[in-house]
Amino acid sequence: MKTRGYMKVTLICPKPTNMNLNSVPIFNFPNQAIYLLASITPLNWDVEIIDENRTPIDFETETDLVALTALSASAPRAYEIAAKFKMRGIPIIMGGIHATVIPDEAAEHVDSVVIGEADEIWPQILNDFEQGRLQRVYKPQLPRSLDIQETREITKTHRVNFINWLPLSLKVTFMQVGRGCPNNCEFCSVTKISGRTLRTKSIPYIIDKIKEEIAKGTDFFFFYDDNIIVNKKFAKELFRAIKPLNIKWMSQADIKIADEDILDLAVEAGMAGILLGLESISENTLGDGVGRVKQRMRPNYENAIKRLHDHNVNVMGALIFGFDHESEDSYAETVEWAIQNKLDIGQFTVLTPLPGTDLSERMKREGRITTLNWTDYDCTHDVVQREKTRTKNLDLIVRMAFRKFYSYGAQLRRFRLPKNLFDLAIRLTNMRLRTVSQSF
């Protein structure tokens, strides 16, 4: 029986089962969906936020409704969580990428499924629940505006500890300025979820939100856009607008962030680090497995990384193993290339046919998917029969890549003197990653 004055919703992000790098801050960003939904929840509701990567779930919590969001790798855990709350008779809603691309599966475990972005429809969903008419499926249109009108103040800032045994941490605010990407890489589901047209928040709205977080003592901003410069005109306007705020930030982008027409603007606006989607150092691979856009960028990789370093920007490079026609020699060559070009952080993953991607559809047609155990879809386990590497252990190859890249010898070859607190944090993260990689 309900005894509280308000109804209560518990928003939960499950913890992936197999995330070996989960303890390393640079690879473990707070889930933003649950914080966003909390911020727009009507005031006649109480809100509880649980990111299982940071907070254990209290399955005895007093609540009226549970809302889950999950990637594919964490979907089985989401279903376990749903089952436990269902045993108490608590209704369950599920959204996020996995539920969006495989809604029928999600519907087998929960009472209601949200397909797509829930920003505008969330208050309606809660009202439907209050009126006893919760729908089995919600499929909203993409939001008309990303200038979200918040009903309550929900923290966007998290204290990030970069190494366990040193009292060094930064208060990092996680924000998004746009959604969507026109590149449509075969292995990526962004265009399927958020569209091929970049939709952005307005510059005045972004500036107001940044100022709010500065007033709260934020040390650093992470703009968690998939590619912050996919629309260069907007990016330039944004960088000019935030320059007077004197902040430090990092984001994700492609190699064009190092182009002469935008690099100085980004650095003057406070860019201290950038996560580059490099994918591969082979032009043939980029053409076959990613798309012509990245293939055209490949000749600029080395010079772009050097330009970024010359501007004191830390470079985090994301590289993928397992494209067709690759060999074990090419993986060793990739790691050596990453060391020679002094990537400050290296991320090595297995090409994975994530549900909702063109890669997944192609792998299905070719009969090459070896398992639908979603916990293995964490980009560190091989779930595909390869053409030339089908007998190779890509799981082990990725682990060996981490071990080599973060070995003491490789760190010495890549070392650059830190010039600020963020630089120091990145150098210390290398030490932490060495420890984690040794335990793979």
Protein backbone atom coordinates (compact mmCIF):
# COMPACT_ATOMS: atom_id res chain seq x y z
CA MET A 1 0.00 0.00 0.00
CA LYS A 2 1.27 3.45 -0.89
CA THR A 3 1.87 5.60 2.19
CA ARG A 4 4.02 8.43 0.79
CA GLY A 5 2.61 11.72 -0.41
CA TYR A 6 4.42 11.38 -3.77
CA MET A 7 4.97 8.49 -6.09
CA LYS A 8 8.58 7.42 -6.52
CA VAL A 9 10.50 6.28 -9.60
CA THR A 10 13.84 4.49 -9.32
CA LEU A 11 16.11 5.03 -12.33
CA ILE A 12 18.73 2.30 -12.75
CA CYS A 13 21.72 1.82 -15.06
CA PRO A 14 22.97 -1.80 -14.73
CA LYS A 15 26.63 -2.68 -14.51
CA PRO A 16 27.99 -4.73 -17.44
CA THR A 17 29.19 -8.14 -16.31
CA ASN A 18 32.43 -8.38 -18.31
CA MET A 19 33.80 -4.81 -18.27
CA ASN A 20 37.48 -5.38 -17.48
CA LEU A 21 38.27 -1.65 -17.67
CA ASN A 22 35.32 -0.63 -15.55
CA SER A 23 37.52 0.59 -12.70
CA VAL A 24 39.41 3.06 -14.90
CA PRO A 25 37.73 6.48 -15.03
CA ILE A 26 38.78 7.28 -18.59
CA PHE A 27 36.72 4.26 -19.79
CA ASN A 28 33.86 4.53 -17.31
CA PHE A 29 31.66 7.57 -17.79
CA PRO A 30 28.53 7.99 -15.68
CA ASN A 31 25.38 7.04 -17.55
CA GLN A 32 23.73 10.29 -18.58
CA ALA A 33 20.26 9.00 -19.49
CA ILE A 34 19.18 8.40 -15.90
CA TYR A 35 20.40 11.83 -14.80
CA LEU A 36 18.63 13.51 -17.71
CA LEU A 37 15.33 11.75 -17.01
CA ALA A 38 15.65 12.57 -13.31
CA SER A 39 16.09 16.25 -14.14
CA ILE A 40 12.80 16.39 -16.10
CA THR A 41 10.71 14.22 -13.79
CA PRO A 42 7.59 16.10 -12.62
CA LEU A 43 7.85 17.51 -9.11
CA ASN A 44 4.98 15.35 -7.83
CA TRP A 45 7.37 12.39 -8.09
CA ASP A 46 10.28 11.41 -5.87
CA VAL A 47 13.36 10.27 -7.78
CA GLU A 48 16.06 7.74 -6.91
CA ILE A 49 19.12 7.38 -9.18
CA ILE A 50 21.25 4.22 -9.17
CA ASP A 51 24.23 3.80 -11.47
CA GLU A 52 25.35 0.29 -10.54
CA ASN A 53 28.91 1.10 -11.61
CA ARG A 54 29.02 3.42 -8.61
CA THR A 55 26.19 2.45 -6.26
CA PRO A 56 24.87 -1.01 -5.31
CA ILE A 57 21.20 -1.67 -5.92
CA ASP A 58 18.92 -1.90 -2.90
CA PHE A 59 16.33 -4.39 -4.10
CA GLU A 60 14.21 -3.63 -1.03
CA THR A 61 13.98 0.09 -1.79
CA GLU A 62 10.50 1.52 -1.41
CA THR A 63 9.45 2.59 -4.90
CA ASP A 64 6.42 2.60 -7.20
CA LEU A 65 8.15 2.26 -10.55
CA VAL A 66 11.56 1.14 -11.84
CA ALA A 67 13.02 2.50 -15.09
CA LEU A 68 16.03 0.73 -16.63
CA THR A 69 18.42 1.78 -19.38
CA ALA A 70 20.99 -0.59 -20.87
CA LEU A 71 23.54 -1.18 -23.57
CA SER A 72 23.57 -4.65 -25.10
CA ALA A 73 26.38 -5.86 -22.83
CA SER A 74 24.38 -4.91 -19.75
CA ALA A 75 20.98 -6.08 -21.02
CA PRO A 76 21.14 -9.51 -19.27
CA ARG A 77 21.89 -7.76 -15.99
CA ALA A 78 18.97 -5.40 -16.65
CA TYR A 79 16.69 -8.41 -17.09
CA GLU A 80 17.95 -9.88 -13.79
CA ILE A 81 17.19 -6.60 -12.04
CA ALA A 82 13.74 -6.45 -13.62
CA ALA A 83 12.94 -9.97 -12.45
CA LYS A 84 13.87 -9.16 -8.85
CA PHE A 85 11.67 -6.08 -8.70
CA LYS A 86 8.84 -7.90 -10.49
CA MET A 87 8.85 -10.46 -7.70
CA ARG A 88 7.79 -7.58 -5.46
CA GLY A 89 5.07 -6.56 -7.90
CA ILE A 90 6.82 -3.35 -8.98
CA PRO A 91 6.24 -2.34 -12.63
CA ILE A 92 9.29 -1.99 -14.88
CA ILE A 93 10.01 0.32 -17.83
CA MET A 94 13.07 -0.19 -20.04
CA GLY A 95 14.68 2.14 -22.56
CA GLY A 96 18.15 2.77 -23.90
CA ILE A 97 19.97 1.48 -26.95
CA HIS A 98 19.34 -2.25 -26.48
CA ALA A 99 15.62 -1.87 -25.84
CA THR A 100 15.38 0.51 -28.80
CA VAL A 101 16.94 -1.89 -31.30
CA ILE A 102 15.49 -5.13 -29.88
CA PRO A 103 12.21 -4.02 -28.28
CA ASP A 104 10.47 -7.41 -28.58
CA GLU A 105 13.16 -9.08 -26.48
CA ALA A 106 13.06 -6.34 -23.85
CA ALA A 107 9.26 -6.56 -23.71
CA GLU A 108 9.53 -10.18 -22.55
CA HIS A 109 11.15 -8.95 -19.32
CA VAL A 110 9.48 -5.63 -18.55
CA ASP A 111 6.05 -4.02 -18.53
CA SER A 112 6.78 -1.16 -20.91
CA VAL A 113 9.45 -0.43 -23.53
CA VAL A 114 10.55 3.00 -24.75
CA ILE A 115 11.99 3.02 -28.28
CA GLY A 116 14.26 5.99 -28.96
CA GLU A 117 14.88 9.23 -27.10
CA ALA A 118 12.52 9.73 -24.15
CA ASP A 119 13.20 13.42 -23.36
CA GLU A 120 9.84 14.84 -24.40
CA ILE A 121 7.65 11.84 -23.64
CA TRP A 122 8.94 11.03 -20.13
CA PRO A 123 6.40 13.18 -18.24
CA GLN A 124 3.60 11.61 -20.31
CA ILE A 125 4.85 8.12 -19.44
CA LEU A 126 4.76 8.94 -15.73
CA ASN A 127 1.29 10.47 -16.07
CA ASP A 128 0.09 7.35 -17.89
CA PHE A 129 1.41 5.27 -15.01
CA GLU A 130 -0.39 7.45 -12.47
CA GLN A 131 -3.64 7.02 -14.41
CA GLY A 132 -3.22 3.26 -14.67
CA ARG A 133 -2.78 3.26 -18.45
CA LEU A 134 0.93 2.56 -18.92
CA GLN A 135 1.43 1.51 -22.53
CA ARG A 136 3.36 -1.59 -23.55
CA VAL A 137 5.42 0.36 -26.09
CA TYR A 138 6.28 4.03 -26.49
CA LYS A 139 7.86 5.16 -29.74
CA PRO A 140 8.32 8.93 -29.57
CA GLN A 141 9.54 11.18 -32.33
CA LEU A 142 13.00 12.69 -31.95
CA PRO A 143 12.75 15.67 -29.57
CA ARG A 144 12.01 19.00 -31.25
CA SER A 145 14.54 20.76 -29.05
CA LEU A 146 17.51 19.67 -26.95
CA ASP A 147 17.26 22.77 -24.74
CA ILE A 148 15.86 20.64 -21.96
CA GLN A 149 13.62 22.40 -19.45
CA GLU A 150 14.61 20.85 -16.15
CA THR A 151 12.11 20.54 -13.32
CA ARG A 152 14.72 19.93 -10.62
CA GLU A 153 18.43 20.27 -10.09
CA ILE A 154 20.25 16.97 -10.62
CA THR A 155 24.01 16.81 -10.32
CA LYS A 156 25.98 16.59 -13.55
CA THR A 157 29.28 16.55 -11.72
CA HIS A 158 31.19 13.50 -10.51
CA ARG A 159 34.44 13.33 -8.63
CA VAL A 160 36.84 11.22 -10.67
CA ASN A 161 39.77 9.55 -8.94
CA PHE A 162 42.49 8.84 -11.48
CA ILE A 163 44.63 6.58 -9.31
CA ASN A 164 43.69 4.80 -6.11
CA TRP A 165 46.69 5.47 -3.92
CA LEU A 166 47.07 9.21 -4.60
CA PRO A 167 44.69 11.94 -3.38
CA LEU A 168 44.26 13.26 -6.93
CA SER A 169 40.78 13.75 -8.27
CA LEU A 170 38.89 16.20 -10.44
CA LYS A 171 35.29 17.35 -10.26
CA VAL A 172 34.15 16.51 -13.79
CA THR A 173 30.87 17.72 -15.27
CA PHE A 174 29.46 15.56 -18.06
CA MET A 175 27.38 17.41 -20.67
CA GLN A 176 26.08 16.83 -24.16
CA VAL A 177 25.78 19.58 -26.76
CA GLY A 178 24.40 17.60 -29.71
CA ARG A 179 23.10 14.26 -30.97
CA GLY A 180 23.30 12.46 -34.30
CA CYS A 181 26.08 11.76 -36.77
CA PRO A 182 26.11 11.75 -40.60
CA ASN A 183 29.06 9.34 -40.95
CA ASN A 184 27.04 6.13 -40.44
CA CYS A 185 30.02 3.83 -39.77
CA GLU A 186 29.04 0.20 -40.20
CA PHE A 187 29.81 -0.82 -36.61
CA CYS A 188 28.06 2.16 -34.96
CA SER A 189 24.39 2.49 -33.98
CA VAL A 190 24.35 6.26 -33.39
CA THR A 191 22.68 7.09 -36.70
CA LYS A 192 20.01 4.44 -36.10
CA ILE A 193 19.21 5.83 -32.66
CA SER A 194 19.73 9.57 -33.06
CA GLY A 195 19.68 10.13 -36.81
CA ARG A 196 22.17 11.23 -39.45
CA THR A 197 21.50 14.93 -38.93
CA LEU A 198 23.29 16.64 -36.06
CA ARG A 199 20.81 18.22 -33.64
CA THR A 200 22.31 20.67 -31.18
CA LYS A 201 21.41 22.61 -28.09
CA SER A 202 21.40 26.35 -28.55
CA ILE A 203 24.64 28.18 -27.75
CA PRO A 204 23.02 30.43 -25.06
CA TYR A 205 21.53 27.35 -23.36
CA ILE A 206 24.92 25.60 -23.33
CA ILE A 207 26.69 28.66 -21.94
CA ASP A 208 24.12 29.05 -19.15
CA LYS A 209 24.55 25.41 -18.13
CA ILE A 210 28.34 25.68 -18.14
CA LYS A 211 28.17 28.80 -15.97
CA GLU A 212 25.92 26.98 -13.52
CA GLU A 213 28.46 24.19 -13.16
CA ILE A 214 31.41 26.59 -12.87
CA ALA A 215 29.62 28.22 -9.93
CA LYS A 216 29.46 24.80 -8.25
CA GLY A 217 33.23 24.33 -8.44
CA THR A 218 33.61 22.12 -11.52
CA ASP A 219 37.28 21.51 -12.43
CA PHE A 220 36.76 19.96 -15.86
CA PHE A 221 34.08 19.36 -18.47
CA PHE A 222 33.51 16.28 -20.59
CA PHE A 223 31.28 16.87 -23.60
CA TYR A 224 30.13 13.34 -24.31
CA ASP A 225 29.03 13.95 -27.89
CA ASP A 226 29.88 11.22 -30.39
CA ASN A 227 31.71 13.77 -32.55
CA ILE A 228 31.78 17.35 -31.32
CA ILE A 229 33.01 18.73 -34.66
CA VAL A 230 30.75 16.81 -37.02
CA ASN A 231 29.22 20.21 -37.85
CA LYS A 232 32.24 22.50 -37.99
CA LYS A 233 30.20 25.69 -38.27
CA PHE A 234 28.41 24.93 -35.01
CA ALA A 235 31.63 23.76 -33.35
CA LYS A 236 33.39 27.01 -34.20
CA GLU A 237 30.50 29.04 -32.80
CA LEU A 238 30.55 26.93 -29.65
CA PHE A 239 34.31 27.27 -29.15
CA ARG A 240 34.18 31.04 -29.59
CA ALA A 241 31.34 31.25 -27.07
CA ILE A 242 33.02 29.18 -24.35
CA LYS A 243 36.47 30.75 -24.74
CA PRO A 244 35.73 33.60 -22.25
CA LEU A 245 34.60 31.06 -19.64
CA ASN A 246 38.19 29.84 -19.19
CA ILE A 247 37.30 26.17 -18.74
CA LYS A 248 39.19 22.96 -19.50
CA TRP A 249 37.41 20.21 -21.40
CA MET A 250 37.66 17.08 -23.51
CA SER A 251 35.31 15.36 -25.94
CA GLN A 252 35.16 12.86 -28.79
CA ALA A 253 35.88 13.75 -32.41
CA ASP A 254 37.40 12.56 -35.63
CA ILE A 255 40.83 13.56 -36.89
CA LYS A 256 39.49 16.80 -38.39
CA ILE A 257 39.72 18.37 -34.94
CA ALA A 258 43.38 18.96 -35.86
CA ASP A 259 42.54 20.91 -39.05
CA GLU A 260 44.07 24.38 -39.19
CA ASP A 261 40.69 26.10 -39.39
CA ILE A 262 39.49 24.76 -36.02
CA LEU A 263 42.37 23.50 -33.85
CA ASP A 264 43.44 26.90 -32.52
CA LEU A 265 39.83 27.78 -31.73
CA ALA A 266 39.34 24.54 -29.80
CA VAL A 267 42.56 24.95 -27.81
CA GLU A 268 41.84 28.61 -27.03
CA ALA A 269 38.42 27.45 -25.79
CA GLY A 270 40.08 25.08 -23.33
CA MET A 271 40.41 21.73 -25.10
CA ALA A 272 42.87 19.66 -23.04
CA GLY A 273 42.11 16.18 -24.38
CA ILE A 274 40.35 14.52 -27.28
CA LEU A 275 39.19 10.94 -27.88
CA LEU A 276 39.78 10.19 -31.55
CA GLY A 277 37.87 7.48 -33.38
CA LEU A 278 40.82 6.22 -35.43
CA GLU A 279 39.40 2.69 -35.88
CA SER A 280 42.32 1.36 -37.99
CA ILE A 281 45.66 2.42 -39.44
CA SER A 282 44.94 0.54 -42.68
CA GLU A 283 43.37 2.55 -45.50
CA ASN A 284 41.97 -0.66 -47.02
CA THR A 285 40.32 -1.59 -43.74
CA LEU A 286 38.84 1.87 -43.30
CA GLY A 287 37.40 1.70 -46.81
CA ASP A 288 35.90 -1.78 -46.40
CA GLY A 289 34.90 -1.85 -42.77
CA VAL A 290 34.19 1.73 -41.75
CA GLY A 291 33.41 4.04 -44.63
CA ARG A 292 35.04 6.27 -47.18
CA VAL A 293 34.94 9.25 -44.81
CA LYS A 294 37.48 7.70 -42.44
CA GLN A 295 39.50 6.29 -45.34
CA ARG A 296 40.04 9.82 -46.68
CA MET A 297 41.20 10.93 -43.24
CA ARG A 298 43.84 8.20 -42.82
CA PRO A 299 46.79 9.98 -44.56
CA ASN A 300 46.49 12.78 -41.96
CA TYR A 301 46.57 10.62 -38.82
CA GLU A 302 50.24 11.04 -37.89
CA ASN A 303 50.48 14.76 -38.61
CA ALA A 304 47.19 15.43 -36.85
CA ILE A 305 48.31 13.67 -33.69
CA LYS A 306 51.56 15.61 -33.74
CA ARG A 307 49.71 18.91 -34.18
CA LEU A 308 47.47 18.08 -31.25
CA HIS A 309 50.48 17.26 -29.08
CA ASP A 310 52.21 20.45 -30.21
CA HIS A 311 49.17 22.31 -28.88
CA ASN A 312 49.43 20.37 -25.59
CA VAL A 313 46.28 18.33 -26.24
CA ASN A 314 46.20 14.81 -24.81
CA VAL A 315 45.22 12.30 -27.48
CA MET A 316 43.20 9.20 -26.69
CA GLY A 317 42.99 6.91 -29.71
CA ALA A 318 40.28 4.27 -30.25
CA LEU A 319 41.45 1.36 -32.43
CA ILE A 320 39.47 -1.71 -33.47
CA PHE A 321 40.75 -5.24 -34.13
CA GLY A 322 38.92 -7.84 -36.20
CA PHE A 323 38.07 -6.28 -39.54
CA ASP A 324 38.06 -8.72 -42.43
CA HIS A 325 41.40 -9.49 -44.10
CA GLU A 326 43.43 -8.38 -41.07
CA SER A 327 46.15 -10.62 -39.65
CA GLU A 328 47.89 -11.06 -36.33
CA ASP A 329 50.84 -9.11 -37.74
CA SER A 330 48.60 -6.13 -38.43
CA TYR A 331 47.53 -6.02 -34.77
CA ALA A 332 51.12 -5.94 -33.58
CA GLU A 333 51.83 -3.24 -36.15
CA THR A 334 48.88 -1.20 -34.86
CA VAL A 335 50.10 -1.29 -31.27
CA GLU A 336 53.62 -0.30 -32.33
CA TRP A 337 52.15 2.54 -34.39
CA ALA A 338 50.19 3.77 -31.37
CA ILE A 339 53.37 3.74 -29.27
CA GLN A 340 55.49 5.48 -31.92
CA ASN A 341 52.88 8.22 -32.32
CA LYS A 342 52.75 8.67 -28.54
CA LEU A 343 49.04 8.23 -28.01
CA ASP A 344 48.45 9.32 -24.42
CA ILE A 345 45.69 6.75 -23.92
CA GLY A 346 45.07 3.77 -26.18
CA GLN A 347 41.77 1.92 -26.42
CA PHE A 348 41.83 -1.43 -28.22
CA THR A 349 38.56 -3.24 -28.88
CA VAL A 350 37.22 -6.21 -30.84
CA LEU A 351 34.98 -5.39 -33.80
CA THR A 352 31.54 -6.32 -32.49
CA PRO A 353 28.25 -6.59 -34.42
CA LEU A 354 26.25 -4.60 -31.90
CA PRO A 355 22.48 -4.92 -32.37
CA GLY A 356 21.08 -2.10 -34.45
CA THR A 357 24.19 -1.65 -36.59
CA ASP A 358 24.68 -2.31 -40.29
CA LEU A 359 27.54 -4.62 -39.28
CA SER A 360 25.14 -6.77 -37.27
CA GLU A 361 22.76 -7.07 -40.21
CA ARG A 362 25.59 -8.02 -42.57
CA MET A 363 27.01 -10.59 -40.15
CA LYS A 364 23.54 -12.14 -39.80
CA ARG A 365 23.14 -12.41 -43.57
CA GLU A 366 26.55 -14.05 -43.85
CA GLY A 367 25.83 -16.44 -40.97
CA ARG A 368 28.93 -15.38 -39.05
CA ILE A 369 27.58 -14.46 -35.62
CA THR A 370 28.65 -17.16 -33.18
CA THR A 371 26.66 -16.19 -30.07
CA LEU A 372 23.79 -14.01 -28.91
CA ASN A 373 25.02 -13.98 -25.33
CA TRP A 374 24.79 -10.21 -24.90
CA THR A 375 27.26 -10.11 -22.00
CA ASP A 376 29.97 -10.91 -24.56
CA TYR A 377 29.00 -7.86 -26.65
CA ASP A 378 31.32 -5.63 -24.60
CA CYS A 379 33.87 -5.12 -27.42
CA THR A 380 36.47 -7.24 -25.64
CA HIS A 381 35.07 -10.65 -26.65
CA ASP A 382 35.01 -12.07 -30.17
CA VAL A 383 31.50 -13.07 -31.27
CA VAL A 384 32.09 -13.33 -35.04
CA GLN A 385 33.57 -15.95 -37.34
CA ARG A 386 36.37 -14.12 -39.16
CA GLU A 387 37.57 -14.71 -42.72
CA LYS A 388 41.32 -14.75 -42.08
CA THR A 389 41.36 -14.62 -38.30
CA ARG A 390 38.70 -17.20 -37.54
CA THR A 391 41.23 -19.40 -35.70
CA LYS A 392 42.84 -16.47 -33.91
CA ASN A 393 42.00 -15.57 -30.33
CA LEU A 394 41.07 -11.91 -30.68
CA ASP A 395 40.10 -11.74 -27.01
CA LEU A 396 43.69 -12.56 -26.09
CA ILE A 397 45.13 -10.31 -28.83
CA VAL A 398 43.26 -7.30 -27.41
CA ARG A 399 44.50 -8.09 -23.92
CA MET A 400 48.06 -8.42 -25.18
CA ALA A 401 47.68 -5.07 -26.97
CA PHE A 402 46.76 -3.39 -23.69
CA ARG A 403 49.64 -5.08 -21.88
CA LYS A 404 52.19 -3.99 -24.47
CA PHE A 405 50.87 -0.45 -24.84
CA TYR A 406 50.79 0.15 -21.08
CA SER A 407 54.05 -1.65 -20.26
CA TYR A 408 56.70 0.43 -18.51
CA GLY A 409 58.88 0.40 -21.64
CA ALA A 410 56.08 1.65 -23.87
CA GLN A 411 55.10 4.30 -21.33
CA LEU A 412 58.65 5.64 -21.37
CA ARG A 413 58.57 5.82 -25.17
CA ARG A 414 55.25 7.67 -25.09
CA PHE A 415 55.99 9.91 -22.12
CA ARG A 416 55.41 13.66 -22.33
CA LEU A 417 56.02 16.00 -19.40
CA PRO A 418 52.75 17.05 -17.75
CA LYS A 419 52.02 20.78 -17.98
CA ASN A 420 48.84 20.92 -15.91
CA LEU A 421 46.69 18.87 -13.55
CA PHE A 422 44.83 17.12 -16.36
CA ASP A 423 48.11 16.10 -18.01
CA LEU A 424 49.25 14.63 -14.70
CA ALA A 425 45.96 12.77 -14.34
CA ILE A 426 46.44 11.21 -17.78
CA ARG A 427 50.00 10.11 -16.93
CA LEU A 428 48.74 8.52 -13.71
CA THR A 429 45.92 6.84 -15.59
CA ASN A 430 48.59 5.07 -17.65
CA MET A 431 49.96 3.57 -14.45
CA ARG A 432 46.50 2.43 -13.39
CA LEU A 433 45.82 0.96 -16.82
CA ARG A 434 49.05 -1.01 -16.65
CA THR A 435 47.86 -2.62 -13.42
CA VAL A 436 44.41 -3.37 -14.82
CA SER A 437 45.76 -4.75 -18.11
CA GLN A 438 48.02 -7.16 -16.25
CA SER A 439 44.95 -8.69 -14.61
CA PHE A 440 43.09 -9.41 -17.86
